[in-house]
Structure formats: C-alpha cells, structure tokens
PDB file of N, CA and C in Angstrom:
ATOM      1  N   UNK A   1     224.651 209.665 -88.592  1.00  0.00           N
ATOM      2  CA  UNK A   1     225.801 209.270 -89.373  1.00  0.00           C
ATOM      3  C   UNK A   1     225.977 207.752 -89.261  1.00  0.00           C
ATOM      4  N   UNK A   2     226.131 207.102 -90.377  1.00  0.00           N
ATOM      5  CA  UNK A   2     226.294 205.655 -90.395  1.00  0.00           C
ATOM      6  C   UNK A   2     227.756 205.285 -90.212  1.00  0.00           C
ATOM      7  N   UNK A   3     227.963 204.204 -89.467  1.00  0.00           N
ATOM      8  CA  UNK A   3     229.320 203.694 -89.292  1.00  0.00           C
ATOM      9  C   UNK A   3     229.586 202.651 -90.353  1.00  0.00           C
ATOM     10  N   UNK A   4     230.781 202.671 -90.879  1.00  0.00           N
ATOM     11  CA  UNK A   4     231.171 201.646 -91.843  1.00  0.00           C
ATOM     12  C   UNK A   4     231.628 200.416 -91.080  1.00  0.00           C
ATOM     13  N   UNK A   5     231.136 199.278 -91.493  1.00  0.00           N
ATOM     14  CA  UNK A   5     231.510 198.013 -90.871  1.00  0.00           C
ATOM     15  C   UNK A   5     232.420 197.263 -91.827  1.00  0.00           C
ATOM     16  N   UNK A   6     233.571 196.907 -91.345  1.00  0.00           N
ATOM     17  CA  UNK A   6     234.518 196.169 -92.169  1.00  0.00           C
ATOM     18  C   UNK A   6     234.285 194.678 -91.956  1.00  0.00           C
ATOM     19  N   UNK A   7     234.043 193.959 -93.025  1.00  0.00           N
ATOM     20  CA  UNK A   7     233.804 192.518 -92.942  1.00  0.00           C
ATOM     21  C   UNK A   7     235.107 191.805 -93.254  1.00  0.00           C
ATOM     22  N   UNK A   8     235.535 190.981 -92.313  1.00  0.00           N
ATOM     23  CA  UNK A   8     236.757 190.217 -92.498  1.00  0.00           C
ATOM     24  C   UNK A   8     236.434 188.919 -93.216  1.00  0.00           C
ATOM     25  N   UNK A   9     237.179 188.628 -94.241  1.00  0.00           N
ATOM     26  CA  UNK A   9     236.974 187.397 -94.980  1.00  0.00           C
ATOM     27  C   UNK A   9     237.983 186.360 -94.519  1.00  0.00           C
ATOM     28  N   UNK A  10     237.495 185.138 -94.332  1.00  0.00           N
ATOM     29  CA  UNK A  10     238.356 184.031 -93.938  1.00  0.00           C
ATOM     30  C   UNK A  10     239.008 183.480 -95.199  1.00  0.00           C
ATOM     31  N   UNK A  11     240.342 183.301 -95.185  1.00  0.00           N
ATOM     32  CA  UNK A  11     241.015 182.755 -96.363  1.00  0.00           C
ATOM     33  C   UNK A  11     240.456 181.387 -96.753  1.00  0.00           C
ATOM     34  N   UNK A  12     240.518 181.098 -98.044  1.00  0.00           N
ATOM     35  CA  UNK A  12     239.950 179.862 -98.583  1.00  0.00           C
ATOM     36  C   UNK A  12     240.538 178.614 -97.926  1.00  0.00           C
ATOM     37  N   UNK A  13     241.866 178.563 -97.735  1.00  0.00           N
ATOM     38  CA  UNK A  13     242.489 177.375 -97.149  1.00  0.00           C
ATOM     39  C   UNK A  13     242.042 177.161 -95.702  1.00  0.00           C
ATOM     40  N   UNK A  14     241.745 178.241 -94.999  1.00  0.00           N
ATOM     41  CA  UNK A  14     241.270 178.115 -93.619  1.00  0.00           C
ATOM     42  C   UNK A  14     239.842 177.555 -93.593  1.00  0.00           C
ATOM     43  N   UNK A  15     239.028 177.959 -94.557  1.00  0.00           N
ATOM     44  CA  UNK A  15     237.672 177.416 -94.656  1.00  0.00           C
ATOM     45  C   UNK A  15     237.704 175.916 -94.920  1.00  0.00           C
ATOM     46  N   UNK A  16     238.618 175.472 -95.771  1.00  0.00           N
ATOM     47  CA  UNK A  16     238.736 174.049 -96.086  1.00  0.00           C
ATOM     48  C   UNK A  16     239.122 173.261 -94.850  1.00  0.00           C
ATOM     49  N   UNK A  17     240.110 173.750 -94.114  1.00  0.00           N
ATOM     50  CA  UNK A  17     240.553 173.073 -92.895  1.00  0.00           C
ATOM     51  C   UNK A  17     239.405 172.969 -91.898  1.00  0.00           C
ATOM     52  N   UNK A  18     238.649 174.063 -91.727  1.00  0.00           N
ATOM     53  CA  UNK A  18     237.525 174.047 -90.795  1.00  0.00           C
ATOM     54  C   UNK A  18     236.433 173.083 -91.241  1.00  0.00           C
ATOM     55  N   UNK A  19     236.126 173.069 -92.524  1.00  0.00           N
ATOM     56  CA  UNK A  19     235.051 172.197 -93.008  1.00  0.00           C
ATOM     57  C   UNK A  19     235.405 170.725 -92.889  1.00  0.00           C
ATOM     58  N   UNK A  20     236.681 170.389 -92.994  1.00  0.00           N
ATOM     59  CA  UNK A  20     237.117 168.994 -92.870  1.00  0.00           C
ATOM     60  C   UNK A  20     237.391 168.597 -91.424  1.00  0.00           C
ATOM     61  N   UNK A  21     237.237 169.553 -90.491  1.00  0.00           N
ATOM     62  CA  UNK A  21     237.469 169.310 -89.063  1.00  0.00           C
ATOM     63  C   UNK A  21     238.897 168.822 -88.805  1.00  0.00           C
ATOM     64  N   UNK A  22     239.843 169.397 -89.526  1.00  0.00           N
ATOM     65  CA  UNK A  22     241.245 169.036 -89.360  1.00  0.00           C
ATOM     66  C   UNK A  22     241.901 169.985 -88.371  1.00  0.00           C
ATOM     67  N   UNK A  23     242.967 169.547 -87.693  1.00  0.00           N
ATOM     68  CA  UNK A  23     243.633 170.416 -86.717  1.00  0.00           C
ATOM     69  C   UNK A  23     244.347 171.583 -87.402  1.00  0.00           C
ATOM     70  N   UNK A  24     244.008 172.798 -86.975  1.00  0.00           N
ATOM     71  CA  UNK A  24     244.589 173.999 -87.573  1.00  0.00           C
ATOM     72  C   UNK A  24     246.085 174.102 -87.315  1.00  0.00           C
ATOM     73  N   UNK A  25     246.511 173.644 -86.145  1.00  0.00           N
ATOM     74  CA  UNK A  25     247.919 173.807 -85.794  1.00  0.00           C
ATOM     75  C   UNK A  25     248.833 173.106 -86.776  1.00  0.00           C
ATOM     76  N   UNK A  26     248.505 171.889 -87.169  1.00  0.00           N
ATOM     77  CA  UNK A  26     249.409 171.164 -88.048  1.00  0.00           C
ATOM     78  C   UNK A  26     249.268 171.573 -89.510  1.00  0.00           C
ATOM     79  N   UNK A  27     248.067 171.914 -89.961  1.00  0.00           N
ATOM     80  CA  UNK A  27     247.875 172.241 -91.362  1.00  0.00           C
ATOM     81  C   UNK A  27     248.136 173.709 -91.690  1.00  0.00           C
ATOM     82  N   UNK A  28     247.838 174.601 -90.786  1.00  0.00           N
ATOM     83  CA  UNK A  28     248.046 176.019 -91.036  1.00  0.00           C
ATOM     84  C   UNK A  28     249.282 176.562 -90.330  1.00  0.00           C
ATOM     85  N   UNK A  29     249.899 175.758 -89.496  1.00  0.00           N
ATOM     86  CA  UNK A  29     251.081 176.197 -88.781  1.00  0.00           C
ATOM     87  C   UNK A  29     250.777 177.118 -87.625  1.00  0.00           C
ATOM     88  N   UNK A  30     249.551 177.075 -87.122  1.00  0.00           N
ATOM     89  CA  UNK A  30     249.164 177.944 -86.010  1.00  0.00           C
ATOM     90  C   UNK A  30     249.933 177.562 -84.749  1.00  0.00           C
ATOM     91  N   UNK A  31     250.328 178.557 -83.991  1.00  0.00           N
ATOM     92  CA  UNK A  31     251.024 178.308 -82.729  1.00  0.00           C
ATOM     93  C   UNK A  31     250.019 177.865 -81.674  1.00  0.00           C
ATOM     94  N   UNK A  32     250.464 176.969 -80.807  1.00  0.00           N
ATOM     95  CA  UNK A  32     249.654 176.521 -79.680  1.00  0.00           C
ATOM     96  C   UNK A  32     250.348 177.007 -78.419  1.00  0.00           C
ATOM     97  N   UNK A  33     249.623 177.768 -77.598  1.00  0.00           N
ATOM     98  CA  UNK A  33     250.167 178.302 -76.354  1.00  0.00           C
ATOM     99  C   UNK A  33     249.344 177.716 -75.212  1.00  0.00           C
ATOM    100  N   UNK A  34     250.018 176.990 -74.316  1.00  0.00           N
ATOM    101  CA  UNK A  34     249.358 176.392 -73.164  1.00  0.00           C
ATOM    102  C   UNK A  34     249.953 177.003 -71.907  1.00  0.00           C
ATOM    103  N   UNK A  35     249.100 177.654 -71.116  1.00  0.00           N
ATOM    104  CA  UNK A  35     249.552 178.298 -69.884  1.00  0.00           C
ATOM    105  C   UNK A  35     249.069 177.457 -68.710  1.00  0.00           C
ATOM    106  N   UNK A  36     249.988 177.091 -67.824  1.00  0.00           N
ATOM    107  CA  UNK A  36     249.653 176.327 -66.627  1.00  0.00           C
ATOM    108  C   UNK A  36     249.851 177.237 -65.424  1.00  0.00           C
ATOM    109  N   UNK A  37     248.726 177.650 -64.819  1.00  0.00           N
ATOM    110  CA  UNK A  37     248.807 178.584 -63.700  1.00  0.00           C
ATOM    111  C   UNK A  37     249.483 179.864 -64.140  1.00  0.00           C
ATOM    112  N   UNK A  38     250.301 180.428 -63.252  1.00  0.00           N
ATOM    113  CA  UNK A  38     251.069 181.609 -63.647  1.00  0.00           C
ATOM    114  C   UNK A  38     252.566 181.323 -63.610  1.00  0.00           C
ATOM    115  N   UNK A  39     252.913 180.015 -63.770  1.00  0.00           N
ATOM    116  CA  UNK A  39     254.326 179.668 -63.659  1.00  0.00           C
ATOM    117  C   UNK A  39     254.899 178.914 -64.861  1.00  0.00           C
ATOM    118  N   UNK A  40     254.069 178.457 -65.793  1.00  0.00           N
ATOM    119  CA  UNK A  40     254.587 177.720 -66.940  1.00  0.00           C
ATOM    120  C   UNK A  40     253.827 178.092 -68.212  1.00  0.00           C
ATOM    121  N   UNK A  41     254.574 178.161 -69.309  1.00  0.00           N
ATOM    122  CA  UNK A  41     253.977 178.343 -70.633  1.00  0.00           C
ATOM    123  C   UNK A  41     254.655 177.356 -71.582  1.00  0.00           C
ATOM    124  N   UNK A  42     253.846 176.582 -72.308  1.00  0.00           N
ATOM    125  CA  UNK A  42     254.340 175.694 -73.348  1.00  0.00           C
ATOM    126  C   UNK A  42     253.925 176.296 -74.683  1.00  0.00           C
ATOM    127  N   UNK A  43     254.867 176.398 -75.606  1.00  0.00           N
ATOM    128  CA  UNK A  43     254.575 176.967 -76.916  1.00  0.00           C
ATOM    129  C   UNK A  43     255.007 175.973 -77.980  1.00  0.00           C
ATOM    130  N   UNK A  44     254.071 175.681 -78.889  1.00  0.00           N
ATOM    131  CA  UNK A  44     254.352 174.776 -80.000  1.00  0.00           C
ATOM    132  C   UNK A  44     254.183 175.533 -81.310  1.00  0.00           C
ATOM    133  N   UNK A  45     254.914 175.108 -82.320  1.00  0.00           N
ATOM    134  CA  UNK A  45     254.837 175.677 -83.669  1.00  0.00           C
ATOM    135  C   UNK A  45     255.242 177.147 -83.721  1.00  0.00           C
ATOM    136  N   UNK A  46     256.366 177.480 -83.148  1.00  0.00           N
ATOM    137  CA  UNK A  46     256.880 178.845 -83.277  1.00  0.00           C
ATOM    138  C   UNK A  46     258.001 178.820 -84.312  1.00  0.00           C
ATOM    139  N   UNK A  47     258.292 179.974 -84.902  1.00  0.00           N
ATOM    140  CA  UNK A  47     259.319 180.044 -85.942  1.00  0.00           C
ATOM    141  C   UNK A  47     260.689 180.431 -85.405  1.00  0.00           C
ATOM    142  N   UNK A  48     260.721 181.323 -84.414  1.00  0.00           N
ATOM    143  CA  UNK A  48     262.007 181.768 -83.916  1.00  0.00           C
ATOM    144  C   UNK A  48     261.870 182.673 -82.704  1.00  0.00           C
ATOM    145  N   UNK A  49     263.012 182.934 -82.080  1.00  0.00           N
ATOM    146  CA  UNK A  49     263.059 183.776 -80.899  1.00  0.00           C
ATOM    147  C   UNK A  49     263.607 185.143 -81.306  1.00  0.00           C
ATOM    148  N   UNK A  50     262.898 186.207 -80.925  1.00  0.00           N
ATOM    149  CA  UNK A  50     263.305 187.561 -81.268  1.00  0.00           C
ATOM    150  C   UNK A  50     264.013 188.225 -80.095  1.00  0.00           C
ATOM    151  N   UNK A  51     263.483 188.029 -78.886  1.00  0.00           N
ATOM    152  CA  UNK A  51     264.055 188.670 -77.693  1.00  0.00           C
ATOM    153  C   UNK A  51     263.918 187.719 -76.510  1.00  0.00           C
ATOM    154  N   UNK A  52     264.941 187.722 -75.646  1.00  0.00           N
ATOM    155  CA  UNK A  52     264.897 186.879 -74.456  1.00  0.00           C
ATOM    156  C   UNK A  52     265.592 187.584 -73.303  1.00  0.00           C
ATOM    157  N   UNK A  53     264.808 188.052 -72.331  1.00  0.00           N
ATOM    158  CA  UNK A  53     265.343 188.593 -71.088  1.00  0.00           C
ATOM    159  C   UNK A  53     264.602 187.912 -69.949  1.00  0.00           C
ATOM    160  N   UNK A  54     264.989 188.205 -68.713  1.00  0.00           N
ATOM    161  CA  UNK A  54     264.298 187.573 -67.581  1.00  0.00           C
ATOM    162  C   UNK A  54     262.925 188.193 -67.314  1.00  0.00           C
ATOM    163  N   UNK A  55     262.571 189.254 -68.054  1.00  0.00           N
ATOM    164  CA  UNK A  55     261.252 189.877 -67.898  1.00  0.00           C
ATOM    165  C   UNK A  55     260.405 189.866 -69.161  1.00  0.00           C
ATOM    166  N   UNK A  56     260.994 189.510 -70.297  1.00  0.00           N
ATOM    167  CA  UNK A  56     260.265 189.554 -71.563  1.00  0.00           C
ATOM    168  C   UNK A  56     260.827 188.527 -72.536  1.00  0.00           C
ATOM    169  N   UNK A  57     259.941 187.729 -73.129  1.00  0.00           N
ATOM    170  CA  UNK A  57     260.337 186.795 -74.183  1.00  0.00           C
ATOM    171  C   UNK A  57     259.422 187.062 -75.366  1.00  0.00           C
ATOM    172  N   UNK A  58     260.015 187.327 -76.522  1.00  0.00           N
ATOM    173  CA  UNK A  58     259.264 187.623 -77.736  1.00  0.00           C
ATOM    174  C   UNK A  58     259.602 186.573 -78.780  1.00  0.00           C
ATOM    175  N   UNK A  59     258.556 185.879 -79.261  1.00  0.00           N
ATOM    176  CA  UNK A  59     258.723 184.814 -80.244  1.00  0.00           C
ATOM    177  C   UNK A  59     257.998 185.168 -81.526  1.00  0.00           C
ATOM    178  N   UNK A  60     258.500 184.662 -82.635  1.00  0.00           N
ATOM    179  CA  UNK A  60     257.828 184.844 -83.918  1.00  0.00           C
ATOM    180  C   UNK A  60     257.037 183.583 -84.239  1.00  0.00           C
ATOM    181  N   UNK A  61     255.734 183.734 -84.398  1.00  0.00           N
ATOM    182  CA  UNK A  61     254.894 182.650 -84.878  1.00  0.00           C
ATOM    183  C   UNK A  61     254.744 182.781 -86.375  1.00  0.00           C
ATOM    184  N   UNK A  62     253.940 181.927 -86.979  1.00  0.00           N
ATOM    185  CA  UNK A  62     253.745 182.001 -88.426  1.00  0.00           C
ATOM    186  C   UNK A  62     252.955 183.249 -88.820  1.00  0.00           C
ATOM    187  N   UNK A  63     251.935 183.586 -88.019  1.00  0.00           N
ATOM    188  CA  UNK A  63     251.070 184.700 -88.385  1.00  0.00           C
ATOM    189  C   UNK A  63     251.170 185.901 -87.452  1.00  0.00           C
ATOM    190  N   UNK A  64     251.827 185.752 -86.316  1.00  0.00           N
ATOM    191  CA  UNK A  64     251.929 186.865 -85.367  1.00  0.00           C
ATOM    192  C   UNK A  64     253.116 186.636 -84.440  1.00  0.00           C
ATOM    193  N   UNK A  65     253.375 187.633 -83.611  1.00  0.00           N
ATOM    194  CA  UNK A  65     254.402 187.500 -82.583  1.00  0.00           C
ATOM    195  C   UNK A  65     253.721 187.174 -81.261  1.00  0.00           C
ATOM    196  N   UNK A  66     254.417 186.421 -80.423  1.00  0.00           N
ATOM    197  CA  UNK A  66     253.897 186.024 -79.116  1.00  0.00           C
ATOM    198  C   UNK A  66     254.834 186.613 -78.074  1.00  0.00           C
ATOM    199  N   UNK A  67     254.279 187.409 -77.160  1.00  0.00           N
ATOM    200  CA  UNK A  67     255.086 188.063 -76.131  1.00  0.00           C
ATOM    201  C   UNK A  67     254.667 187.548 -74.754  1.00  0.00           C
ATOM    202  N   UNK A  68     255.651 187.065 -73.995  1.00  0.00           N
ATOM    203  CA  UNK A  68     255.417 186.606 -72.627  1.00  0.00           C
ATOM    204  C   UNK A  68     256.133 187.586 -71.710  1.00  0.00           C
ATOM    205  N   UNK A  69     255.390 188.187 -70.771  1.00  0.00           N
ATOM    206  CA  UNK A  69     255.972 189.124 -69.812  1.00  0.00           C
ATOM    207  C   UNK A  69     255.842 188.547 -68.414  1.00  0.00           C
ATOM    208  N   UNK A  70     256.839 188.811 -67.580  1.00  0.00           N
ATOM    209  CA  UNK A  70     256.805 188.334 -66.209  1.00  0.00           C
ATOM    210  C   UNK A  70     258.101 188.631 -65.488  1.00  0.00           C
ATOM    211  N   UNK A  71     258.376 187.855 -64.454  1.00  0.00           N
ATOM    212  CA  UNK A  71     259.618 187.985 -63.693  1.00  0.00           C
ATOM    213  C   UNK A  71     260.319 186.627 -63.655  1.00  0.00           C
ATOM    214  N   UNK A  72     261.635 186.688 -63.627  1.00  0.00           N
ATOM    215  CA  UNK A  72     262.488 185.496 -63.556  1.00  0.00           C
ATOM    216  C   UNK A  72     262.129 184.467 -64.630  1.00  0.00           C
ATOM    217  N   UNK A  73     261.866 184.954 -65.850  1.00  0.00           N
ATOM    218  CA  UNK A  73     261.514 184.054 -66.946  1.00  0.00           C
ATOM    219  C   UNK A  73     262.741 183.275 -67.399  1.00  0.00           C
ATOM    220  N   UNK A  74     262.557 181.993 -67.583  1.00  0.00           N
ATOM    221  CA  UNK A  74     263.625 181.099 -68.006  1.00  0.00           C
ATOM    222  C   UNK A  74     263.081 180.141 -69.049  1.00  0.00           C
ATOM    223  N   UNK A  75     263.847 179.894 -70.081  1.00  0.00           N
ATOM    224  CA  UNK A  75     263.474 178.871 -71.049  1.00  0.00           C
ATOM    225  C   UNK A  75     264.060 177.559 -70.543  1.00  0.00           C
ATOM    226  N   UNK A  76     263.190 176.671 -70.080  1.00  0.00           N
ATOM    227  CA  UNK A  76     263.621 175.374 -69.532  1.00  0.00           C
ATOM    228  C   UNK A  76     264.212 174.492 -70.625  1.00  0.00           C
ATOM    229  N   UNK A  77     263.540 174.451 -71.775  1.00  0.00           N
ATOM    230  CA  UNK A  77     264.070 173.720 -72.927  1.00  0.00           C
ATOM    231  C   UNK A  77     263.433 174.280 -74.193  1.00  0.00           C
ATOM    232  N   UNK A  78     264.072 174.053 -75.319  1.00  0.00           N
ATOM    233  CA  UNK A  78     263.469 174.411 -76.593  1.00  0.00           C
ATOM    234  C   UNK A  78     263.989 173.487 -77.680  1.00  0.00           C
ATOM    235  N   UNK A  79     263.148 173.228 -78.657  1.00  0.00           N
ATOM    236  CA  UNK A  79     263.517 172.481 -79.859  1.00  0.00           C
ATOM    237  C   UNK A  79     263.071 173.338 -81.042  1.00  0.00           C
ATOM    238  N   UNK A  80     263.179 172.798 -82.236  1.00  0.00           N
ATOM    239  CA  UNK A  80     262.695 173.523 -83.417  1.00  0.00           C
ATOM    240  C   UNK A  80     261.178 173.635 -83.425  1.00  0.00           C
ATOM    241  N   UNK A  81     260.492 172.826 -82.620  1.00  0.00           N
ATOM    242  CA  UNK A  81     259.035 172.787 -82.647  1.00  0.00           C
ATOM    243  C   UNK A  81     258.354 173.338 -81.408  1.00  0.00           C
ATOM    244  N   UNK A  82     258.984 173.215 -80.233  1.00  0.00           N
ATOM    245  CA  UNK A  82     258.306 173.649 -79.011  1.00  0.00           C
ATOM    246  C   UNK A  82     259.288 174.139 -77.962  1.00  0.00           C
ATOM    247  N   UNK A  83     258.747 174.792 -76.947  1.00  0.00           N
ATOM    248  CA  UNK A  83     259.572 175.263 -75.835  1.00  0.00           C
ATOM    249  C   UNK A  83     258.736 175.365 -74.569  1.00  0.00           C
ATOM    250  N   UNK A  84     259.434 175.323 -73.437  1.00  0.00           N
ATOM    251  CA  UNK A  84     258.793 175.488 -72.130  1.00  0.00           C
ATOM    252  C   UNK A  84     259.448 176.675 -71.436  1.00  0.00           C
ATOM    253  N   UNK A  85     258.605 177.609 -70.989  1.00  0.00           N
ATOM    254  CA  UNK A  85     259.062 178.797 -70.283  1.00  0.00           C
ATOM    255  C   UNK A  85     258.518 178.746 -68.869  1.00  0.00           C
ATOM    256  N   UNK A  86     259.385 179.000 -67.884  1.00  0.00           N
ATOM    257  CA  UNK A  86     258.950 179.021 -66.487  1.00  0.00           C
ATOM    258  C   UNK A  86     259.305 180.370 -65.869  1.00  0.00           C
ATOM    259  N   UNK A  87     258.715 180.639 -64.734  1.00  0.00           N
ATOM    260  CA  UNK A  87     258.908 181.900 -64.018  1.00  0.00           C
ATOM    261  C   UNK A  87     257.551 182.393 -63.567  1.00  0.00           C
ATOM    262  N   UNK A  88     257.477 183.634 -63.190  1.00  0.00           N
ATOM    263  CA  UNK A  88     256.174 184.217 -62.836  1.00  0.00           C
ATOM    264  C   UNK A  88     255.612 184.887 -64.087  1.00  0.00           C
ATOM    265  N   UNK A  89     254.581 184.295 -64.652  1.00  0.00           N
ATOM    266  CA  UNK A  89     253.993 184.777 -65.901  1.00  0.00           C
ATOM    267  C   UNK A  89     252.942 185.835 -65.563  1.00  0.00           C
ATOM    268  N   UNK A  90     253.129 187.043 -66.079  1.00  0.00           N
ATOM    269  CA  UNK A  90     252.148 188.114 -65.886  1.00  0.00           C
ATOM    270  C   UNK A  90     251.188 188.229 -67.063  1.00  0.00           C
ATOM    271  N   UNK A  91     251.704 188.036 -68.281  1.00  0.00           N
ATOM    272  CA  UNK A  91     250.817 188.158 -69.447  1.00  0.00           C
ATOM    273  C   UNK A  91     251.388 187.418 -70.646  1.00  0.00           C
ATOM    274  N   UNK A  92     250.474 187.013 -71.518  1.00  0.00           N
ATOM    275  CA  UNK A  92     250.811 186.442 -72.816  1.00  0.00           C
ATOM    276  C   UNK A  92     250.027 187.267 -73.839  1.00  0.00           C
ATOM    277  N   UNK A  93     250.731 187.861 -74.791  1.00  0.00           N
ATOM    278  CA  UNK A  93     250.079 188.741 -75.776  1.00  0.00           C
ATOM    279  C   UNK A  93     250.421 188.283 -77.173  1.00  0.00           C
ATOM    280  N   UNK A  94     249.491 188.541 -78.087  1.00  0.00           N
ATOM    281  CA  UNK A  94     249.706 188.277 -79.503  1.00  0.00           C
ATOM    282  C   UNK A  94     249.790 189.610 -80.217  1.00  0.00           C
ATOM    283  N   UNK A  95     250.936 189.849 -80.846  1.00  0.00           N
ATOM    284  CA  UNK A  95     251.185 191.151 -81.493  1.00  0.00           C
ATOM    285  C   UNK A  95     251.145 191.018 -83.008  1.00  0.00           C
TER     286      UNK A  95
END
C-alpha cells in the first residue's frame, strides 16, 4: 500500500523574502523567541496576550500561538513590540 505524501507549498511572499535574504521577522511579522538558560524568555513581534498565570503564559503571534510553561512566571516588562518573561521556564511551545 502506498502512502500519500503531502507537499507543503511555501507562499509566494515568503519565497521573495528568502531570495532577497531579507529578515523574515520584520517583513513577514514572524515572532522572535530568545530563551536564555531556563530563567528568561524574550519575545519580539507578538500580537497580544491571551492568558497570564504564574505557571502559563499564552501569547498570540501573527501565524501561531506561543505558550510558555513553568513556575513563578513573571512578565518583567512589555511593550507593543516585545516582552521579557522570567521565572523557571520548563517549555516553550508553538500552537
């Protein structure tokens, strides 16, 4: 029995950005997540906050949701463009 293989096509605008070697974050609005050890997460280019507890932070990015799980999570600061989360980081997931 043959398995069907689904081929994912890259959108045209993404191909253009890649071919011109331009930064995806600024042109496509992609979120940038920087994790430092297991105690800090910096997030850039997020759209909004969906949930905030000391064990779970859920953010809306342009193309997906970003979930940070851990203990004693605190948002140190946030602006319309970026935020810093501290605490004991157990996982960062893209939903």
